């Protein structure tokens, strides 16, 4: 294989690796959650989001998302607050569909992992 071709193959793998790493980065302090609604969305009273540590079967915290309206692409968007979560840990989110008190789905598959880190302060003004 000529040297030029070897360099082209190498460069392609380097660029693909860099692109994969960029897409694989974990969100930090996410503020928005997107999900496909349940097939029972019409009967649902809302959704619950659980924050999970890796491998855990129970969430460290849950929050009610209400019942977001799906957009034209059938995707629901909800604003979330990760501030109550502990710093320096990896989390995933899982959803439950709530039909009525005591009647709910199992937890969904986990989301992509995300980090909770301290937020930076605002810009100081020296006066």
N, C-alpha and C. Protein backbone atom coordinates (compact mmCIF):
# COMPACT_ATOMS: atom_id res chain seq x y z
N UNK A 1 0.85 -1.17 0.00
CA UNK A 1 0.00 0.00 0.00
C UNK A 1 0.90 1.24 0.00
N UNK A 2 0.69 2.17 -0.91
CA UNK A 2 1.52 3.38 -0.95
C UNK A 2 1.36 4.19 0.33
N UNK A 3 2.41 4.93 0.69
CA UNK A 3 2.43 5.74 1.91
C UNK A 3 1.29 6.73 1.93
N UNK A 4 0.98 7.35 0.80
CA UNK A 4 -0.10 8.34 0.74
C UNK A 4 -1.44 7.70 1.11
N UNK A 5 -1.67 6.48 0.63
CA UNK A 5 -2.92 5.79 0.93
C UNK A 5 -3.00 5.41 2.41
N UNK A 6 -1.86 5.00 2.97
CA UNK A 6 -1.82 4.66 4.40
C UNK A 6 -2.17 5.90 5.23
N UNK A 7 -1.60 7.06 4.88
CA UNK A 7 -1.89 8.29 5.60
C UNK A 7 -3.36 8.68 5.47
N UNK A 8 -3.96 8.47 4.31
CA UNK A 8 -5.38 8.79 4.11
C UNK A 8 -6.26 7.90 4.99
N UNK A 9 -5.92 6.60 5.06
CA UNK A 9 -6.68 5.68 5.92
C UNK A 9 -6.51 6.08 7.38
N UNK A 10 -5.27 6.38 7.79
CA UNK A 10 -5.00 6.80 9.16
C UNK A 10 -5.76 8.07 9.52
N UNK A 11 -5.69 9.05 8.64
CA UNK A 11 -6.37 10.32 8.87
C UNK A 11 -7.89 10.12 8.97
N UNK A 12 -8.44 9.25 8.15
CA UNK A 12 -9.87 8.95 8.21
C UNK A 12 -10.25 8.39 9.58
N UNK A 13 -9.44 7.44 10.09
CA UNK A 13 -9.74 6.86 11.40
C UNK A 13 -9.58 7.89 12.51
N UNK A 14 -8.59 8.75 12.42
CA UNK A 14 -8.41 9.81 13.42
C UNK A 14 -9.61 10.74 13.43
N UNK A 15 -10.05 11.16 12.25
CA UNK A 15 -11.20 12.06 12.17
C UNK A 15 -12.47 11.39 12.66
N UNK A 16 -12.68 10.12 12.30
CA UNK A 16 -13.86 9.40 12.79
C UNK A 16 -13.80 9.24 14.29
N UNK A 17 -12.62 8.96 14.83
CA UNK A 17 -12.47 8.84 16.28
C UNK A 17 -12.76 10.15 16.99
N UNK A 18 -12.30 11.25 16.43
CA UNK A 18 -12.56 12.57 17.03
C UNK A 18 -14.04 12.89 16.97
N UNK A 19 -14.70 12.57 15.86
CA UNK A 19 -16.13 12.82 15.74
C UNK A 19 -16.91 11.97 16.73
N UNK A 20 -16.53 10.70 16.90
CA UNK A 20 -17.21 9.84 17.87
C UNK A 20 -17.05 10.37 19.27
N UNK A 21 -15.83 10.81 19.62
CA UNK A 21 -15.59 11.34 20.96
C UNK A 21 -16.42 12.58 21.20
N UNK A 22 -16.56 13.43 20.19
CA UNK A 22 -17.36 14.65 20.35
C UNK A 22 -18.82 14.31 20.60
N UNK A 23 -19.34 13.30 19.92
CA UNK A 23 -20.74 12.92 20.11
C UNK A 23 -20.94 12.14 21.40
N UNK A 24 -19.89 11.53 21.92
CA UNK A 24 -20.00 10.70 23.12
C UNK A 24 -19.86 11.50 24.41
N UNK A 25 -19.60 12.80 24.33
CA UNK A 25 -19.42 13.59 25.53
C UNK A 25 -20.70 13.63 26.35
N UNK A 26 -20.54 13.53 27.66
CA UNK A 26 -21.70 13.58 28.55
C UNK A 26 -22.15 15.02 28.74
N UNK A 27 -23.46 15.24 28.72
CA UNK A 27 -23.95 16.58 29.06
C UNK A 27 -23.62 16.89 30.52
N UNK A 28 -23.39 18.16 30.79
CA UNK A 28 -23.12 18.63 32.15
C UNK A 28 -24.27 19.53 32.58
N UNK A 29 -24.84 19.24 33.75
CA UNK A 29 -25.96 20.01 34.30
C UNK A 29 -27.06 20.23 33.25
N UNK A 30 -27.60 19.14 32.69
CA UNK A 30 -28.62 19.31 31.65
C UNK A 30 -29.85 20.05 32.18
N UNK A 31 -30.53 20.73 31.29
CA UNK A 31 -31.73 21.50 31.65
C UNK A 31 -32.97 21.05 30.91
N UNK A 32 -32.79 20.21 29.89
CA UNK A 32 -33.91 19.80 29.06
C UNK A 32 -33.91 18.28 28.87
N UNK A 33 -35.07 17.72 28.85
CA UNK A 33 -35.26 16.29 28.62
C UNK A 33 -36.19 16.12 27.43
N UNK A 34 -35.83 15.28 26.48
CA UNK A 34 -36.70 14.96 25.35
C UNK A 34 -36.98 13.48 25.38
N UNK A 35 -38.23 13.11 25.08
CA UNK A 35 -38.59 11.70 25.05
C UNK A 35 -39.79 11.48 24.14
N UNK A 36 -39.92 10.25 23.68
CA UNK A 36 -41.09 9.84 22.91
C UNK A 36 -42.17 9.48 23.91
N UNK A 37 -43.36 10.03 23.77
CA UNK A 37 -44.40 9.74 24.76
C UNK A 37 -44.84 8.28 24.71
N UNK A 38 -45.45 7.86 25.78
CA UNK A 38 -46.00 6.51 25.88
C UNK A 38 -47.09 6.31 24.84
N UNK A 39 -47.28 5.06 24.43
CA UNK A 39 -48.41 4.75 23.53
C UNK A 39 -49.73 5.02 24.25
N UNK A 40 -49.68 5.10 25.58
CA UNK A 40 -50.86 5.42 26.39
C UNK A 40 -50.89 6.88 26.81
N UNK A 41 -50.25 7.75 26.02
CA UNK A 41 -50.16 9.17 26.36
C UNK A 41 -51.54 9.80 26.59
N UNK A 42 -52.51 9.45 25.76
CA UNK A 42 -53.85 10.04 25.90
C UNK A 42 -54.46 9.72 27.26
N UNK A 43 -54.20 8.53 27.79
CA UNK A 43 -54.75 8.12 29.08
C UNK A 43 -53.88 8.54 30.25
N UNK A 44 -52.65 8.97 29.97
CA UNK A 44 -51.70 9.30 31.04
C UNK A 44 -52.08 10.60 31.73
N UNK A 45 -51.80 10.64 33.03
CA UNK A 45 -51.97 11.89 33.76
C UNK A 45 -50.65 12.65 33.82
N UNK A 46 -49.54 11.96 33.51
CA UNK A 46 -48.24 12.61 33.51
C UNK A 46 -47.11 11.61 33.48
N UNK A 47 -45.90 12.13 33.68
CA UNK A 47 -44.69 11.32 33.66
C UNK A 47 -43.85 11.65 34.87
N UNK A 48 -43.11 10.66 35.36
CA UNK A 48 -42.17 10.85 36.45
C UNK A 48 -40.77 10.55 35.94
N UNK A 49 -39.83 11.44 36.25
CA UNK A 49 -38.43 11.25 35.90
C UNK A 49 -37.69 10.80 37.15
N UNK A 50 -36.93 9.72 37.03
CA UNK A 50 -36.08 9.25 38.12
C UNK A 50 -34.63 9.44 37.75
N UNK A 51 -33.84 9.97 38.68
CA UNK A 51 -32.40 10.10 38.49
C UNK A 51 -31.74 8.89 39.12
N UNK A 52 -30.95 8.15 38.34
CA UNK A 52 -30.35 6.90 38.78
C UNK A 52 -28.83 6.97 38.74
N UNK A 53 -28.18 6.35 39.72
CA UNK A 53 -26.74 6.12 39.66
C UNK A 53 -26.51 4.85 38.84
N UNK A 54 -25.34 4.69 38.23
CA UNK A 54 -25.09 3.50 37.39
C UNK A 54 -25.35 2.20 38.14
N UNK A 55 -26.13 1.32 37.53
CA UNK A 55 -26.41 0.01 38.11
C UNK A 55 -27.47 -0.02 39.18
N UNK A 56 -27.96 1.13 39.61
CA UNK A 56 -28.97 1.18 40.69
C UNK A 56 -30.34 0.78 40.17
N UNK A 57 -31.12 0.14 41.01
CA UNK A 57 -32.48 -0.23 40.63
C UNK A 57 -33.51 0.78 41.14
N UNK A 58 -33.10 1.60 42.10
CA UNK A 58 -33.98 2.64 42.63
C UNK A 58 -33.37 4.01 42.37
N UNK A 59 -34.21 4.99 42.06
CA UNK A 59 -33.68 6.34 41.80
C UNK A 59 -33.22 7.01 43.09
N UNK A 60 -32.26 7.93 42.94
CA UNK A 60 -31.84 8.73 44.10
C UNK A 60 -32.82 9.88 44.31
N UNK A 61 -33.55 10.22 43.27
CA UNK A 61 -34.54 11.29 43.35
C UNK A 61 -35.53 11.13 42.20
N UNK A 62 -36.77 11.54 42.42
CA UNK A 62 -37.77 11.56 41.36
C UNK A 62 -38.39 12.95 41.28
N UNK A 63 -38.91 13.26 40.10
CA UNK A 63 -39.57 14.55 39.90
C UNK A 63 -40.71 14.35 38.91
N UNK A 64 -41.83 15.00 39.17
CA UNK A 64 -42.97 14.95 38.27
C UNK A 64 -42.73 15.90 37.11
N UNK A 65 -42.94 15.42 35.89
CA UNK A 65 -42.78 16.25 34.70
C UNK A 65 -44.09 16.81 34.18
N UNK A 66 -45.20 16.44 34.81
CA UNK A 66 -46.49 16.83 34.25
C UNK A 66 -46.74 16.02 32.99
N UNK A 67 -47.49 16.59 32.06
CA UNK A 67 -47.81 15.89 30.82
C UNK A 67 -47.48 16.80 29.64
N UNK A 68 -46.19 16.81 29.22
CA UNK A 68 -45.81 17.65 28.08
C UNK A 68 -46.56 17.23 26.81
N UNK A 69 -46.85 18.20 25.97
CA UNK A 69 -47.53 17.94 24.70
C UNK A 69 -46.50 17.55 23.65
N UNK A 70 -46.71 16.43 22.95
CA UNK A 70 -45.77 16.05 21.89
C UNK A 70 -45.79 17.06 20.75
N UNK A 71 -44.61 17.27 20.13
CA UNK A 71 -44.53 18.17 18.98
C UNK A 71 -44.90 17.40 17.70
N UNK A 72 -44.70 18.02 16.55
CA UNK A 72 -45.06 17.40 15.27
C UNK A 72 -44.27 16.13 15.00
N UNK A 73 -43.09 15.99 15.60
CA UNK A 73 -42.28 14.78 15.43
C UNK A 73 -42.56 13.74 16.52
N UNK A 74 -43.62 13.95 17.31
CA UNK A 74 -44.01 13.07 18.40
C UNK A 74 -42.92 12.98 19.48
N UNK A 75 -42.33 14.12 19.83
CA UNK A 75 -41.32 14.20 20.88
C UNK A 75 -41.82 15.18 21.94
N UNK A 76 -41.76 14.75 23.19
CA UNK A 76 -42.11 15.63 24.31
C UNK A 76 -40.82 16.26 24.85
N UNK A 77 -40.91 17.51 25.26
CA UNK A 77 -39.78 18.23 25.85
C UNK A 77 -40.20 18.75 27.22
N UNK A 78 -39.33 18.54 28.19
CA UNK A 78 -39.60 19.02 29.55
C UNK A 78 -38.35 19.70 30.10
N UNK A 79 -38.54 20.75 30.87
CA UNK A 79 -37.45 21.41 31.56
C UNK A 79 -37.17 20.62 32.84
N UNK A 80 -35.88 20.36 33.10
CA UNK A 80 -35.51 19.62 34.30
C UNK A 80 -34.51 20.44 35.12
N UNK A 81 -34.42 20.09 36.40
CA UNK A 81 -33.51 20.76 37.32
C UNK A 81 -32.65 19.69 37.98
N UNK A 82 -31.36 19.69 37.70
CA UNK A 82 -30.45 18.70 38.31
C UNK A 82 -29.74 19.26 39.54
N UNK A 83 -30.04 20.50 39.92
CA UNK A 83 -29.33 21.14 41.04
C UNK A 83 -29.41 20.36 42.36
N UNK A 84 -30.51 19.69 42.68
CA UNK A 84 -30.52 18.96 43.96
C UNK A 84 -29.62 17.72 43.99
N UNK A 85 -29.10 17.28 42.84
CA UNK A 85 -28.27 16.08 42.80
C UNK A 85 -26.86 16.37 43.32
N UNK A 86 -26.23 15.35 43.90
CA UNK A 86 -24.87 15.49 44.42
C UNK A 86 -23.87 15.70 43.29
N UNK A 87 -22.79 16.43 43.58
CA UNK A 87 -21.76 16.71 42.59
C UNK A 87 -20.86 15.50 42.36
N UNK A 88 -20.24 15.48 41.17
CA UNK A 88 -19.18 14.52 40.88
C UNK A 88 -19.62 13.11 40.61
N UNK A 89 -20.88 12.88 40.39
CA UNK A 89 -21.37 11.53 40.11
C UNK A 89 -21.99 11.49 38.72
N UNK A 90 -21.96 10.32 38.11
CA UNK A 90 -22.64 10.13 36.84
C UNK A 90 -24.07 9.69 37.12
N UNK A 91 -25.00 10.20 36.37
CA UNK A 91 -26.41 9.85 36.52
C UNK A 91 -26.98 9.48 35.16
N UNK A 92 -28.09 8.76 35.20
CA UNK A 92 -28.94 8.57 34.02
C UNK A 92 -30.36 8.87 34.46
N UNK A 93 -31.22 9.13 33.50
CA UNK A 93 -32.63 9.35 33.79
C UNK A 93 -33.47 8.22 33.24
N UNK A 94 -34.53 7.89 33.95
CA UNK A 94 -35.51 6.91 33.47
C UNK A 94 -36.89 7.51 33.71
N UNK A 95 -37.83 7.15 32.85
CA UNK A 95 -39.20 7.68 32.94
C UNK A 95 -40.21 6.61 33.29
N UNK A 96 -41.27 7.05 33.94
CA UNK A 96 -42.46 6.22 34.18
C UNK A 96 -43.66 6.99 33.65
N UNK A 97 -44.60 6.29 33.05
CA UNK A 97 -45.88 6.88 32.67
C UNK A 97 -46.84 6.68 33.84
N UNK A 98 -47.47 7.76 34.25
CA UNK A 98 -48.44 7.69 35.35
C UNK A 98 -49.84 7.80 34.76
N UNK A 99 -50.66 6.80 35.01
CA UNK A 99 -52.06 6.83 34.55
C UNK A 99 -52.93 7.42 35.65
N UNK A 100 -52.77 6.90 36.85
CA UNK A 100 -53.47 7.41 38.03
C UNK A 100 -52.66 6.98 39.24
N UNK A 101 -52.94 7.52 40.43
CA UNK A 101 -52.18 7.08 41.60
C UNK A 101 -52.23 5.56 41.76
N UNK A 102 -51.05 4.95 41.82
CA UNK A 102 -50.97 3.50 41.97
C UNK A 102 -50.98 2.74 40.65
N UNK A 103 -51.23 3.41 39.54
CA UNK A 103 -51.23 2.75 38.23
C UNK A 103 -50.20 3.44 37.35
N UNK A 104 -49.05 2.79 37.22
CA UNK A 104 -47.95 3.40 36.47
C UNK A 104 -47.17 2.32 35.74
N UNK A 105 -46.39 2.75 34.75
CA UNK A 105 -45.57 1.81 33.99
C UNK A 105 -44.31 1.45 34.78
N UNK A 106 -43.56 0.51 34.24
CA UNK A 106 -42.21 0.22 34.74
C UNK A 106 -41.31 1.37 34.30
N UNK A 107 -40.09 1.44 34.85
CA UNK A 107 -39.13 2.45 34.41
C UNK A 107 -38.71 2.17 32.98
N UNK A 108 -38.48 3.22 32.23
CA UNK A 108 -37.99 3.10 30.86
C UNK A 108 -36.53 2.65 30.85
N UNK A 109 -36.00 2.46 29.67
CA UNK A 109 -34.56 2.25 29.52
C UNK A 109 -33.86 3.53 29.97
N UNK A 110 -32.60 3.44 30.42
CA UNK A 110 -31.91 4.65 30.89
C UNK A 110 -31.52 5.59 29.74
N UNK A 111 -31.44 6.86 30.09
CA UNK A 111 -30.96 7.88 29.15
C UNK A 111 -29.45 7.76 29.00
N UNK A 112 -28.91 8.63 28.18
CA UNK A 112 -27.47 8.77 28.13
C UNK A 112 -26.99 9.32 29.47
N UNK A 113 -25.75 9.01 29.89
CA UNK A 113 -25.24 9.52 31.16
C UNK A 113 -25.03 11.03 31.12
N UNK A 114 -25.11 11.65 32.29
CA UNK A 114 -24.82 13.08 32.41
C UNK A 114 -24.12 13.34 33.74
N UNK A 115 -23.45 14.49 33.81
CA UNK A 115 -22.70 14.90 35.00
C UNK A 115 -23.43 16.02 35.71
N UNK A 116 -23.21 16.10 37.01
CA UNK A 116 -23.65 17.25 37.81
C UNK A 116 -22.40 17.86 38.41
N UNK A 117 -22.08 19.07 37.99
CA UNK A 117 -20.89 19.77 38.48
C UNK A 117 -21.31 21.14 39.01
N UNK A 118 -20.48 21.75 39.87
CA UNK A 118 -20.83 23.08 40.36
C UNK A 118 -20.87 24.10 39.21
N UNK A 119 -21.85 24.96 39.25
CA UNK A 119 -21.96 26.02 38.25
C UNK A 119 -20.99 27.15 38.57
N UNK A 120 -20.57 27.85 37.55
CA UNK A 120 -19.66 28.96 37.77
C UNK A 120 -20.46 30.21 38.16
N UNK A 121 -19.84 31.13 38.90
CA UNK A 121 -20.55 32.35 39.27
C UNK A 121 -20.65 33.30 38.08
N UNK A 122 -21.45 34.33 38.22
CA UNK A 122 -21.57 35.35 37.19
C UNK A 122 -20.30 36.18 37.09
N UNK A 123 -20.24 37.00 36.06
CA UNK A 123 -19.07 37.85 35.82
C UNK A 123 -18.96 38.89 36.94
N UNK A 124 -17.77 39.01 37.56
CA UNK A 124 -17.62 40.01 38.62
C UNK A 124 -17.46 41.41 38.01
N UNK A 125 -17.82 42.40 38.78
CA UNK A 125 -17.62 43.80 38.38
C UNK A 125 -16.80 44.48 39.45
N UNK A 126 -15.60 44.86 39.11
CA UNK A 126 -14.72 45.57 40.05
C UNK A 126 -15.11 47.04 40.01
N UNK A 127 -15.44 47.63 41.16
CA UNK A 127 -15.86 49.03 41.21
C UNK A 127 -15.04 49.81 42.19
